[in-house]
Amino acid sequence: MSLNVLEAGASPSVNLDEEKALVSKVAWRLMPLIMVCYLFAFFDRINISFAKFQLQADLSLSDTAYGLGAGLFVVGYVIFEVPSNMMLYKVGARRWIARIMMSWGLATALMVFVTSEWQFYVLRFLIGAMEAGFAPGVLYYLTLWFPQHYRGRITSMLFLASAFAGLFGAPFSGLVLQHLDGVMDMRGWHWLFLLGGVPCIGLGFLVLTLLKDRIEDAHWLTPSEKTLLASRIAHHEPHKSGGSLLAALRIPGFLTLGLIYFLIQVASYGLNFWAPQLIRSAGTESPVMIGLLTAIPYICGAISMVVIGRLSDSTGERRKFVAGLVAVGALGFFCAGIFADHTTFLIVALGLLGAGIIASIPSFWTLPPKLLAGAGAGAAGGIAVINTLGQFGGIVSPVMVGRIKDLTGSTTPALYVIGVAALIAVALLMWGLPQKLRTLDKY
């Protein structure tokens, strides 16, 4: 975590070097553990795509059934998302995030006992329910610790973990499926879920031990550092004890943000669940090679989100950067459809897709705090609602792509549909948001 990543301006009344050093100190203390937790959360999202081939063969699942099972994860997530985040606000982020980590880790590990289609459906729903509230909970937690004008880079650092999950998780998944298949009389996909779930239980205990709920509880900050950090956060967005979820829902632009995030997630899940299938359909058979090639869009996404995160903070521009990234992702989907049978060009298209869609997600999450500043409990619930609306994309995308593939024998038409959805998101970002989200973030 380079200190240069954390450079940002400050108001004339604040010593720049002092503020920069303080934010760097907080980032070094909080972000490594949070990023590892998020890495495992995202790995839990993509391991189902690598387990697909063995899972479908063992359970006799059609592509539609697989898409439904993948989507049921999101159904569970959506149902319990807002209640989970409201509970986080009441009991404290540290305890609740730890609970989420341990329960979803256990549920993921239980996938080794799945032997039928209905068990697959039930457990995928349960995993989603147990993980509900994690991502928006962490995003809300970061608003309590970092001033607004550092959010682009800090949020990019968080979502960099999702890129690492694809970068390292994809080849790791390929190796597990190829080399652990049959070890201890367990299939490769059993090992994949076991190795993705058990570490989360231990990470939950670390969260409970190492994280703090409030700045004033941080024994590793001096009294003057606590005062400075709290004042810089309150300067842009005082976290009031009042505010309600209903009030947040009435803010102009709130539901539009939810729709935009839904469309972005349709694209994101299209990549996460179907990239290995696209690469295999183009002619690559080796699980290890599929894993290595699937890592490419995540490499591109990692580079893009770091670069755009810094540019976004330095200029104060948020909305246009998100729109530009989603447009690049849309181009990637159209190119992936055009070159579906040509591995080399397909990988280039997936690289564009990763650089656009993967990087657009952390950039997008700089927008809701601008709208919900000072909303208190409404901010926690509001972030959860936006994330919940977005996660419906995770229900629609896998089922839609699976159904189209069953009907046509090809994923290409679905890629074009997702590309159009991404372009609609671009139009809403450019012309559908209120003035409050069009203004630049100033130091």
Protein backbone atom coordinates (compact mmCIF):
# COMPACT_ATOMS: atom_id res chain seq x y z
CA MET A 1 0.00 0.00 0.00
CA SER A 2 2.07 2.93 -1.26
CA LEU A 3 1.81 6.15 0.66
CA ASN A 4 1.60 7.93 -2.68
CA VAL A 5 -1.79 6.32 -3.21
CA LEU A 6 -3.07 8.29 -0.23
CA GLU A 7 -1.93 11.72 -1.29
CA ALA A 8 -4.71 14.27 -1.40
CA GLY A 9 -5.28 17.91 -0.84
CA ALA A 10 -6.69 19.53 2.26
CA SER A 11 -8.24 22.79 3.20
CA PRO A 12 -5.85 25.68 3.89
CA SER A 13 -6.48 25.40 7.65
CA VAL A 14 -5.15 21.84 7.81
CA ASN A 15 -1.52 20.84 7.52
CA LEU A 16 -1.35 18.70 4.37
CA ASP A 17 1.54 16.51 5.51
CA GLU A 18 -0.05 15.91 8.91
CA GLU A 19 -3.38 14.90 7.41
CA LYS A 20 -1.74 12.71 4.78
CA ALA A 21 0.37 10.92 7.38
CA LEU A 22 -2.69 10.35 9.59
CA VAL A 23 -4.82 8.90 6.78
CA SER A 24 -1.89 6.71 5.78
CA LYS A 25 -1.59 5.45 9.35
CA VAL A 26 -5.30 4.62 9.50
CA ALA A 27 -5.17 2.90 6.11
CA TRP A 28 -2.22 0.72 7.08
CA ARG A 29 -4.02 -0.25 10.27
CA LEU A 30 -7.44 -1.07 8.80
CA MET A 31 -7.17 -1.83 5.11
CA PRO A 32 -4.96 -4.99 4.99
CA LEU A 33 -7.43 -7.03 7.07
CA ILE A 34 -10.48 -5.51 5.37
CA MET A 35 -8.98 -6.22 1.93
CA VAL A 36 -8.26 -9.85 2.81
CA CYS A 37 -11.83 -10.27 4.05
CA TYR A 38 -13.18 -8.70 0.87
CA LEU A 39 -10.89 -10.91 -1.22
CA PHE A 40 -12.50 -14.01 0.27
CA ALA A 41 -15.96 -12.48 -0.18
CA PHE A 42 -15.34 -11.98 -3.87
CA PHE A 43 -13.66 -15.37 -4.23
CA ASP A 44 -16.87 -16.83 -2.82
CA ARG A 45 -18.69 -15.11 -5.71
CA ILE A 46 -16.47 -16.49 -8.49
CA ASN A 47 -15.64 -19.99 -7.23
CA ILE A 48 -19.09 -21.15 -8.33
CA SER A 49 -18.13 -20.30 -11.92
CA PHE A 50 -15.07 -22.58 -11.78
CA ALA A 51 -16.96 -25.34 -10.01
CA LYS A 52 -19.56 -25.16 -12.80
CA PHE A 53 -18.21 -27.91 -15.07
CA GLN A 54 -17.74 -30.60 -12.39
CA LEU A 55 -20.79 -29.43 -10.43
CA GLN A 56 -23.10 -29.67 -13.42
CA ALA A 57 -21.76 -33.12 -14.34
CA ASP A 58 -22.09 -34.49 -10.78
CA LEU A 59 -25.55 -33.04 -10.09
CA SER A 60 -26.89 -33.30 -13.67
CA LEU A 61 -27.70 -29.57 -13.83
CA SER A 62 -28.76 -27.74 -16.99
CA ASP A 63 -27.34 -24.27 -17.68
CA THR A 64 -30.66 -22.80 -16.54
CA ALA A 65 -30.51 -24.78 -13.27
CA TYR A 66 -26.92 -23.69 -12.71
CA GLY A 67 -27.87 -20.06 -13.37
CA LEU A 68 -30.80 -20.37 -10.97
CA GLY A 69 -28.57 -21.79 -8.23
CA ALA A 70 -26.01 -19.07 -8.80
CA GLY A 71 -28.79 -16.48 -8.69
CA LEU A 72 -30.31 -17.86 -5.48
CA PHE A 73 -27.16 -16.75 -3.69
CA VAL A 74 -28.18 -13.22 -4.55
CA VAL A 75 -31.82 -13.82 -3.56
CA GLY A 76 -30.69 -14.68 -0.04
CA TYR A 77 -28.31 -11.72 -0.08
CA VAL A 78 -31.03 -9.31 -1.21
CA ILE A 79 -33.66 -10.43 1.31
CA PHE A 80 -31.38 -9.99 4.32
CA GLU A 81 -29.23 -7.09 3.08
CA VAL A 82 -31.02 -4.09 4.59
CA PRO A 83 -31.91 -5.78 7.92
CA SER A 84 -28.29 -6.87 8.22
CA ASN A 85 -26.92 -3.38 7.70
CA MET A 86 -29.41 -1.82 10.11
CA MET A 87 -28.30 -4.39 12.69
CA LEU A 88 -24.68 -3.46 11.96
CA TYR A 89 -25.51 0.16 12.79
CA LYS A 90 -27.03 -0.92 16.13
CA VAL A 91 -24.44 -3.44 17.38
CA GLY A 92 -21.32 -2.01 15.74
CA ALA A 93 -19.46 -2.90 12.57
CA ARG A 94 -16.77 -4.99 14.27
CA ARG A 95 -19.12 -7.53 15.83
CA TRP A 96 -21.49 -7.74 12.90
CA ILE A 97 -18.84 -8.05 10.17
CA ALA A 98 -17.17 -10.78 12.26
CA ARG A 99 -20.51 -12.62 12.51
CA ILE A 100 -21.00 -12.35 8.75
CA MET A 101 -17.53 -13.72 8.01
CA MET A 102 -17.88 -16.73 10.31
CA SER A 103 -21.41 -17.70 9.26
CA TRP A 104 -20.85 -17.42 5.52
CA GLY A 105 -17.54 -19.29 5.82
CA LEU A 106 -19.30 -22.16 7.54
CA ALA A 107 -22.14 -22.20 4.98
CA THR A 108 -19.66 -22.20 2.08
CA ALA A 109 -17.73 -25.12 3.55
CA LEU A 110 -21.00 -27.08 3.83
CA MET A 111 -21.16 -27.16 0.00
CA VAL A 112 -19.03 -30.32 0.21
CA PHE A 113 -22.16 -32.20 1.36
CA VAL A 114 -24.33 -31.20 -1.62
CA THR A 115 -25.50 -34.24 -3.61
CA SER A 116 -28.70 -33.06 -5.31
CA GLU A 117 -30.14 -30.10 -7.20
CA TRP A 118 -32.44 -28.96 -4.38
CA GLN A 119 -29.58 -29.08 -1.85
CA PHE A 120 -27.57 -26.90 -4.23
CA TYR A 121 -30.41 -24.38 -4.35
CA VAL A 122 -30.94 -24.32 -0.58
CA LEU A 123 -27.28 -23.91 0.31
CA ARG A 124 -26.60 -21.23 -2.28
CA PHE A 125 -29.55 -19.27 -0.83
CA LEU A 126 -28.17 -19.79 2.68
CA ILE A 127 -24.67 -18.61 1.72
CA GLY A 128 -26.16 -15.43 0.28
CA ALA A 129 -28.26 -14.85 3.40
CA MET A 130 -25.23 -15.29 5.67
CA GLU A 131 -23.08 -12.90 3.57
CA ALA A 132 -25.82 -10.25 3.37
CA GLY A 133 -24.68 -6.85 4.58
CA PHE A 134 -20.93 -7.46 4.28
CA ALA A 135 -20.06 -5.19 1.33
CA PRO A 136 -22.32 -2.24 2.25
CA GLY A 137 -21.35 -2.71 5.89
CA VAL A 138 -17.67 -2.34 5.03
CA LEU A 139 -18.41 0.63 2.76
CA TYR A 140 -20.31 2.34 5.57
CA TYR A 141 -17.51 1.49 8.00
CA LEU A 142 -14.99 3.26 5.76
CA THR A 143 -17.07 6.46 5.81
CA LEU A 144 -16.51 6.55 9.58
CA TRP A 145 -12.73 6.45 9.23
CA PHE A 146 -11.76 8.32 6.05
CA PRO A 147 -12.51 11.91 4.91
CA GLN A 148 -14.55 12.33 1.74
CA HIS A 149 -11.68 13.49 -0.46
CA TYR A 150 -9.77 10.25 0.14
CA ARG A 151 -12.70 8.00 -0.71
CA GLY A 152 -11.81 7.34 -4.36
CA ARG A 153 -8.46 5.81 -3.50
CA ILE A 154 -9.59 4.09 -0.33
CA THR A 155 -12.60 2.53 -2.06
CA SER A 156 -10.37 1.49 -4.95
CA MET A 157 -8.02 -0.16 -2.46
CA LEU A 158 -10.97 -2.10 -1.05
CA PHE A 159 -12.18 -3.27 -4.44
CA LEU A 160 -8.62 -4.02 -5.49
CA ALA A 161 -9.15 -7.09 -3.33
CA SER A 162 -11.88 -8.22 -5.73
CA ALA A 163 -9.42 -7.93 -8.60
CA PHE A 164 -6.86 -9.92 -6.59
CA ALA A 165 -9.55 -12.55 -6.00
CA GLY A 166 -9.85 -12.98 -9.75
CA LEU A 167 -6.13 -12.56 -10.38
CA PHE A 168 -5.02 -15.22 -7.90
CA GLY A 169 -8.30 -17.03 -7.31
CA ALA A 170 -8.83 -17.99 -10.95
CA PRO A 171 -5.49 -19.82 -11.38
CA PHE A 172 -5.84 -21.23 -7.85
CA SER A 173 -9.27 -22.61 -8.72
CA GLY A 174 -7.91 -24.23 -11.85
CA LEU A 175 -5.10 -25.88 -9.91
CA VAL A 176 -7.49 -27.13 -7.21
CA LEU A 177 -9.91 -28.60 -9.75
CA GLN A 178 -7.14 -30.32 -11.66
CA HIS A 179 -4.84 -31.55 -8.89
CA LEU A 180 -7.06 -32.08 -5.84
CA ASP A 181 -9.84 -33.89 -7.67
CA GLY A 182 -10.08 -37.31 -6.00
CA VAL A 183 -7.85 -36.46 -3.02
CA MET A 184 -9.39 -37.96 0.16
CA ASP A 185 -12.25 -39.22 -2.06
CA MET A 186 -13.43 -35.64 -2.62
CA ARG A 187 -14.15 -33.97 -5.94
CA GLY A 188 -12.19 -30.88 -6.95
CA TRP A 189 -15.22 -28.62 -6.55
CA HIS A 190 -15.61 -29.89 -2.97
CA TRP A 191 -12.07 -28.72 -2.19
CA LEU A 192 -12.79 -25.39 -3.87
CA PHE A 193 -15.65 -24.55 -1.51
CA LEU A 194 -13.86 -25.97 1.54
CA LEU A 195 -10.74 -23.88 0.94
CA GLY A 196 -12.89 -20.82 0.25
CA GLY A 197 -15.01 -21.19 3.38
CA VAL A 198 -12.87 -22.36 6.30
CA PRO A 199 -10.40 -19.39 6.26
CA CYS A 200 -13.36 -16.98 6.59
CA ILE A 201 -14.12 -18.36 10.03
CA GLY A 202 -10.62 -17.47 11.22
CA LEU A 203 -10.83 -14.05 9.56
CA GLY A 204 -14.02 -13.39 11.52
CA PHE A 205 -12.14 -13.87 14.78
CA LEU A 206 -9.42 -11.46 13.56
CA VAL A 207 -12.03 -8.81 12.73
CA LEU A 208 -13.50 -9.18 16.22
CA THR A 209 -10.05 -8.77 17.76
CA LEU A 210 -8.38 -6.10 15.63
CA LEU A 211 -11.02 -3.68 14.32
CA LYS A 212 -12.59 -0.83 16.31
CA ASP A 213 -16.05 0.61 15.84
CA ARG A 214 -15.22 4.28 16.47
CA ILE A 215 -12.29 6.64 16.11
CA GLU A 216 -12.33 7.32 19.87
CA ASP A 217 -11.84 3.59 20.54
CA ALA A 218 -8.62 3.42 18.51
CA HIS A 219 -5.85 3.08 21.13
CA TRP A 220 -3.29 3.32 18.32
CA LEU A 221 -4.23 6.95 17.64
CA THR A 222 -3.13 9.85 19.85
CA PRO A 223 -5.78 12.25 21.21
CA SER A 224 -4.70 14.93 18.73
CA GLU A 225 -4.88 12.45 15.83
CA LYS A 226 -8.39 11.40 16.88
CA THR A 227 -9.49 15.03 16.98
CA LEU A 228 -7.99 15.84 13.59
CA LEU A 229 -9.44 12.76 11.87
CA ALA A 230 -12.92 13.26 13.34
CA SER A 231 -12.92 16.95 12.39
CA ARG A 232 -11.88 16.24 8.78
CA ILE A 233 -14.64 13.66 8.37
CA ALA A 234 -17.25 15.92 9.99
CA HIS A 235 -16.14 18.84 7.77
CA HIS A 236 -17.88 17.28 4.75
CA GLU A 237 -20.39 14.87 6.24
CA PRO A 238 -21.22 14.96 9.93
CA HIS A 239 -22.60 11.56 10.98
CA LYS A 240 -25.70 12.61 12.86
CA SER A 241 -27.48 10.26 15.20
CA GLY A 242 -30.76 11.18 13.51
CA GLY A 243 -31.91 10.41 10.01
CA SER A 244 -33.93 7.44 8.86
CA LEU A 245 -33.97 4.95 6.04
CA LEU A 246 -37.29 6.35 4.83
CA ALA A 247 -35.80 9.84 4.64
CA ALA A 248 -32.85 8.48 2.67
CA LEU A 249 -35.21 6.80 0.19
CA ARG A 250 -36.85 10.16 -0.53
CA ILE A 251 -33.62 11.90 -1.52
CA PRO A 252 -33.72 12.84 -5.25
CA GLY A 253 -31.44 10.55 -7.23
CA PHE A 254 -31.39 7.76 -4.64
CA LEU A 255 -33.43 5.24 -6.64
CA THR A 256 -31.65 6.24 -9.84
CA LEU A 257 -28.36 5.25 -8.20
CA GLY A 258 -29.96 1.92 -7.32
CA LEU A 259 -31.00 1.36 -10.94
CA ILE A 260 -27.53 2.28 -12.20
CA TYR A 261 -25.92 -0.14 -9.79
CA PHE A 262 -28.38 -2.84 -10.86
CA LEU A 263 -27.27 -2.42 -14.48
CA ILE A 264 -23.59 -2.42 -13.50
CA GLN A 265 -24.10 -5.63 -11.51
CA VAL A 266 -25.85 -7.30 -14.45
CA ALA A 267 -22.59 -6.75 -16.31
CA SER A 268 -20.37 -7.69 -13.37
CA TYR A 269 -22.12 -10.99 -12.72
CA GLY A 270 -22.07 -11.69 -16.45
CA LEU A 271 -18.28 -11.56 -16.26
CA ASN A 272 -17.88 -13.37 -12.94
CA PHE A 273 -20.17 -16.32 -13.67
CA TRP A 274 -19.57 -16.85 -17.38
CA ALA A 275 -15.99 -15.83 -18.24
CA PRO A 276 -14.62 -19.38 -17.78
CA GLN A 277 -17.45 -20.74 -19.95
CA LEU A 278 -16.70 -18.20 -22.69
CA ILE A 279 -13.01 -19.12 -22.69
CA ARG A 280 -13.79 -22.83 -22.77
CA SER A 281 -16.31 -22.38 -25.61
CA ALA A 282 -13.62 -20.55 -27.61
CA GLY A 283 -11.49 -23.72 -27.55
CA THR A 284 -9.48 -23.87 -24.29
CA GLU A 285 -9.98 -27.14 -22.37
CA SER A 286 -7.35 -27.17 -19.58
CA PRO A 287 -8.79 -26.00 -16.22
CA VAL A 288 -5.43 -24.45 -15.30
CA MET A 289 -5.21 -22.52 -18.59
CA ILE A 290 -8.83 -21.39 -18.25
CA GLY A 291 -7.97 -20.13 -14.77
CA LEU A 292 -4.92 -18.25 -16.01
CA LEU A 293 -6.81 -16.63 -18.89
CA THR A 294 -9.72 -15.72 -16.64
CA ALA A 295 -7.28 -13.75 -14.47
CA ILE A 296 -6.56 -11.31 -17.32
CA PRO A 297 -9.72 -9.16 -16.98
CA TYR A 298 -9.04 -8.88 -13.25
CA ILE A 299 -5.47 -7.72 -13.90
CA CYS A 300 -6.85 -5.05 -16.22
CA GLY A 301 -9.49 -4.15 -13.66
CA ALA A 302 -6.89 -3.80 -10.88
CA ILE A 303 -4.74 -1.45 -12.95
CA SER A 304 -7.76 0.57 -14.08
CA MET A 305 -9.27 1.02 -10.62
CA VAL A 306 -6.00 2.25 -9.09
CA VAL A 307 -5.36 4.74 -11.91
CA ILE A 308 -8.95 5.99 -12.06
CA GLY A 309 -9.19 6.14 -8.26
CA ARG A 310 -6.26 8.56 -8.13
CA LEU A 311 -7.52 10.62 -11.07
CA SER A 312 -11.00 10.79 -9.55
CA ASP A 313 -9.66 12.09 -6.23
CA SER A 314 -7.24 14.55 -7.81
CA THR A 315 -9.93 16.11 -10.01
CA GLY A 316 -12.89 15.68 -7.65
CA GLU A 317 -14.87 14.25 -10.58
CA ARG A 318 -16.86 11.07 -9.82
CA ARG A 319 -19.83 10.71 -12.15
CA LYS A 320 -18.05 11.06 -15.50
CA PHE A 321 -15.35 8.58 -14.55
CA VAL A 322 -17.99 5.98 -13.64
CA ALA A 323 -19.78 6.59 -16.94
CA GLY A 324 -16.58 6.27 -18.94
CA LEU A 325 -15.63 3.00 -17.26
CA VAL A 326 -19.07 1.46 -17.83
CA ALA A 327 -18.90 2.52 -21.49
CA VAL A 328 -15.57 0.70 -21.85
CA GLY A 329 -17.19 -2.36 -20.25
CA ALA A 330 -20.08 -2.19 -22.73
CA LEU A 331 -17.59 -2.16 -25.59
CA GLY A 332 -15.95 -5.23 -24.06
CA PHE A 333 -19.26 -7.13 -24.03
CA PHE A 334 -19.99 -6.31 -27.67
CA CYS A 335 -16.47 -7.35 -28.69
CA ALA A 336 -16.74 -10.58 -26.65
CA GLY A 337 -19.87 -11.45 -28.62
CA ILE A 338 -18.28 -10.64 -31.96
CA PHE A 339 -15.11 -12.65 -31.22
CA ALA A 340 -16.70 -15.47 -29.19
CA ASP A 341 -14.94 -18.15 -31.29
CA HIS A 342 -11.49 -16.51 -31.38
CA THR A 343 -9.59 -17.00 -28.12
CA THR A 344 -7.02 -14.23 -28.62
CA PHE A 345 -9.54 -11.52 -29.53
CA LEU A 346 -11.92 -12.81 -26.85
CA ILE A 347 -9.25 -12.32 -24.17
CA VAL A 348 -8.66 -8.77 -25.41
CA ALA A 349 -12.41 -8.16 -25.16
CA LEU A 350 -12.48 -9.59 -21.64
CA GLY A 351 -9.57 -7.30 -20.77
CA LEU A 352 -11.63 -4.30 -21.87
CA LEU A 353 -14.56 -5.66 -19.94
CA GLY A 354 -12.48 -6.01 -16.78
CA ALA A 355 -10.86 -2.59 -17.12
CA GLY A 356 -14.31 -1.04 -17.43
CA ILE A 357 -16.81 -2.98 -15.33
CA ILE A 358 -14.55 -4.14 -12.49
CA ALA A 359 -13.09 -0.66 -12.04
CA SER A 360 -16.50 1.04 -12.30
CA ILE A 361 -17.73 -0.52 -9.06
CA PRO A 362 -15.35 1.25 -6.62
CA SER A 363 -15.78 4.45 -8.62
CA PHE A 364 -19.56 4.12 -8.32
CA TRP A 365 -19.35 3.77 -4.53
CA THR A 366 -17.93 7.29 -4.23
CA LEU A 367 -21.38 8.59 -5.28
CA PRO A 368 -23.83 7.32 -2.58
CA PRO A 369 -21.94 8.94 0.35
CA LYS A 370 -22.26 12.30 -1.43
CA LEU A 371 -26.02 11.83 -1.45
CA LEU A 372 -26.34 10.37 2.06
CA ALA A 373 -23.91 12.63 3.95
CA GLY A 374 -25.09 13.21 7.50
CA ALA A 375 -27.97 10.72 7.32
CA GLY A 376 -26.84 8.67 10.33
CA ALA A 377 -28.74 5.38 10.42
CA GLY A 378 -30.23 6.37 7.08
CA ALA A 379 -26.74 6.32 5.57
CA ALA A 380 -26.10 2.75 6.71
CA GLY A 381 -29.52 1.59 5.54
CA GLY A 382 -29.38 3.68 2.38
CA ILE A 383 -26.07 2.20 1.27
CA ALA A 384 -27.55 -1.24 1.92
CA VAL A 385 -30.66 -0.44 -0.15
CA ILE A 386 -28.58 0.74 -3.11
CA ASN A 387 -26.45 -2.37 -2.87
CA THR A 388 -29.59 -4.51 -2.58
CA LEU A 389 -31.12 -2.95 -5.70
CA GLY A 390 -27.85 -3.60 -7.47
CA GLN A 391 -27.69 -7.20 -6.35
CA PHE A 392 -30.91 -7.93 -8.22
CA GLY A 393 -28.58 -7.82 -11.20
CA GLY A 394 -26.93 -10.88 -9.73
CA ILE A 395 -30.29 -12.66 -9.90
CA VAL A 396 -31.18 -11.53 -13.41
CA SER A 397 -27.79 -11.93 -15.08
CA PRO A 398 -26.94 -15.62 -14.38
CA VAL A 399 -30.48 -16.85 -15.05
CA MET A 400 -30.83 -14.75 -18.22
CA VAL A 401 -27.49 -15.87 -19.67
CA GLY A 402 -28.15 -19.50 -18.76
CA ARG A 403 -31.63 -19.42 -20.30
CA ILE A 404 -30.42 -17.76 -23.50
CA LYS A 405 -27.63 -20.33 -23.79
CA ASP A 406 -30.08 -23.22 -23.29
CA LEU A 407 -32.42 -21.80 -25.95
CA THR A 408 -29.86 -20.77 -28.57
CA GLY A 409 -26.83 -22.90 -27.76
CA SER A 410 -24.72 -19.74 -27.52
CA THR A 411 -23.98 -17.04 -24.96
CA THR A 412 -23.40 -14.41 -27.68
CA PRO A 413 -26.95 -12.92 -27.71
CA ALA A 414 -26.78 -12.53 -23.92
CA LEU A 415 -23.50 -10.62 -24.23
CA TYR A 416 -25.18 -8.10 -26.53
CA VAL A 417 -28.10 -7.71 -24.11
CA ILE A 418 -25.68 -7.02 -21.23
CA GLY A 419 -23.79 -4.52 -23.41
CA VAL A 420 -27.03 -2.60 -24.02
CA ALA A 421 -27.79 -2.63 -20.28
CA ALA A 422 -24.37 -1.08 -19.64
CA LEU A 423 -25.07 1.68 -22.18
CA ILE A 424 -28.35 2.49 -20.40
CA ALA A 425 -26.34 2.89 -17.18
CA VAL A 426 -24.00 5.30 -19.00
CA ALA A 427 -26.97 7.41 -20.16
CA LEU A 428 -28.40 7.58 -16.62
CA LEU A 429 -25.02 8.59 -15.20
CA MET A 430 -24.58 11.37 -17.73
CA TRP A 431 -28.11 12.79 -17.83
CA GLY A 432 -30.21 11.22 -15.07
CA LEU A 433 -28.61 12.33 -11.78
CA PRO A 434 -29.38 15.42 -9.64
CA GLN A 435 -27.04 18.39 -9.32
CA LYS A 436 -25.70 17.19 -5.96
CA LEU A 437 -24.06 14.24 -7.72
CA ARG A 438 -22.76 16.37 -10.57
CA THR A 439 -20.65 18.64 -8.37
CA LEU A 440 -16.94 18.04 -7.85
CA ASP A 441 -15.62 16.88 -4.50
CA LYS A 442 -13.52 19.74 -3.14
CA TYR A 443 -10.95 19.50 -0.37
